[in-house]
Amino acid sequence: MKKCYKCGTEWEGQTSPGTKAVCDKCMEYLHSCRNCRYFDNKRFFCSNSLADRVFDTEKFNECDEFRFTET
């Protein structure tokens, strides 16, 4: 199940969200580091060595390595 990192609302899209897609409930960006399976919540950075560094992990990004976290 894919959920918004901030409010927990389930995202029901079949593919990855667009770079500026937002959560219907809290309006946070879905295509952000915080929703990516590679984001390390303990260290607050990307664990994928191929990804470019992103400084604001809550904002949208255009990372080609983005994969929505499945819980």
Protein backbone atom coordinates (compact mmCIF):
# COMPACT_ATOMS: atom_id res chain seq x y z
CA MET A 1 0.00 0.00 0.00
CA LYS A 2 1.37 3.44 -0.94
CA LYS A 3 0.73 6.19 1.62
CA CYS A 4 1.55 9.85 2.08
CA TYR A 5 4.46 10.12 4.53
CA LYS A 6 2.85 13.05 6.34
CA CYS A 7 -0.81 12.11 6.89
CA GLY A 8 -0.93 8.43 5.95
CA THR A 9 -3.58 8.85 3.24
CA GLU A 10 -3.43 5.98 0.79
CA TRP A 11 -2.41 6.86 -2.76
CA GLU A 12 -4.32 4.78 -5.27
CA GLY A 13 -2.43 5.55 -8.46
CA GLN A 14 -1.19 2.64 -10.52
CA THR A 15 2.13 4.21 -11.52
CA SER A 16 4.56 6.56 -9.86
CA PRO A 17 3.09 10.01 -9.09
CA GLY A 18 4.07 12.91 -11.29
CA THR A 19 6.75 15.23 -9.93
CA LYS A 20 4.21 17.81 -8.75
CA ALA A 21 1.42 15.44 -7.65
CA VAL A 22 0.07 16.21 -4.18
CA CYS A 23 -1.79 14.28 -1.50
CA ASP A 24 -5.56 14.86 -1.69
CA LYS A 25 -5.79 15.31 2.08
CA CYS A 26 -2.76 17.30 3.26
CA MET A 27 -1.52 18.72 -0.07
CA GLU A 28 2.09 17.52 0.48
CA TYR A 29 4.08 16.52 -2.59
CA LEU A 30 4.01 12.76 -3.25
CA HIS A 31 7.06 12.60 -5.53
CA SER A 32 9.44 13.56 -2.72
CA CYS A 33 12.29 11.88 -0.90
CA ARG A 34 10.11 11.28 2.14
CA ASN A 35 7.83 8.99 0.10
CA CYS A 36 10.66 7.14 -1.62
CA ARG A 37 11.73 3.62 -0.69
CA TYR A 38 15.38 4.73 -0.81
CA PHE A 39 14.96 7.47 1.81
CA ASP A 40 16.72 6.60 5.07
CA ASN A 41 14.49 7.96 7.87
CA LYS A 42 17.20 7.51 10.49
CA ARG A 43 19.83 9.58 8.67
CA PHE A 44 17.49 11.73 6.55
CA PHE A 45 19.17 11.13 3.21
CA CYS A 46 18.91 8.88 0.19
CA SER A 47 20.46 5.43 0.44
CA ASN A 48 20.61 5.04 -3.35
CA SER A 49 24.10 5.99 -4.51
CA LEU A 50 22.84 6.78 -8.03
CA ALA A 51 20.47 9.54 -6.91
CA ASP A 52 21.42 13.21 -6.90
CA ARG A 53 21.50 14.93 -3.52
CA VAL A 54 18.26 16.69 -2.60
CA PHE A 55 18.39 19.29 0.16
CA ASP A 56 14.67 19.73 0.88
CA THR A 57 13.37 16.18 1.23
CA GLU A 58 9.72 17.26 1.62
CA LYS A 59 9.48 19.16 -1.68
CA PHE A 60 8.89 17.60 -5.08
CA ASN A 61 11.89 16.43 -7.02
CA GLU A 62 12.60 15.01 -10.44
CA CYS A 63 14.75 12.12 -9.27
CA ASP A 64 14.78 9.26 -11.79
CA GLU A 65 15.46 6.81 -8.95
CA PHE A 66 12.19 7.59 -7.09
CA ARG A 67 10.18 4.51 -6.08
CA PHE A 68 7.09 5.02 -3.92
CA THR A 69 7.44 3.25 -0.57
CA GLU A 70 5.15 0.25 -0.16
CA THR A 71 3.94 -0.45 3.39
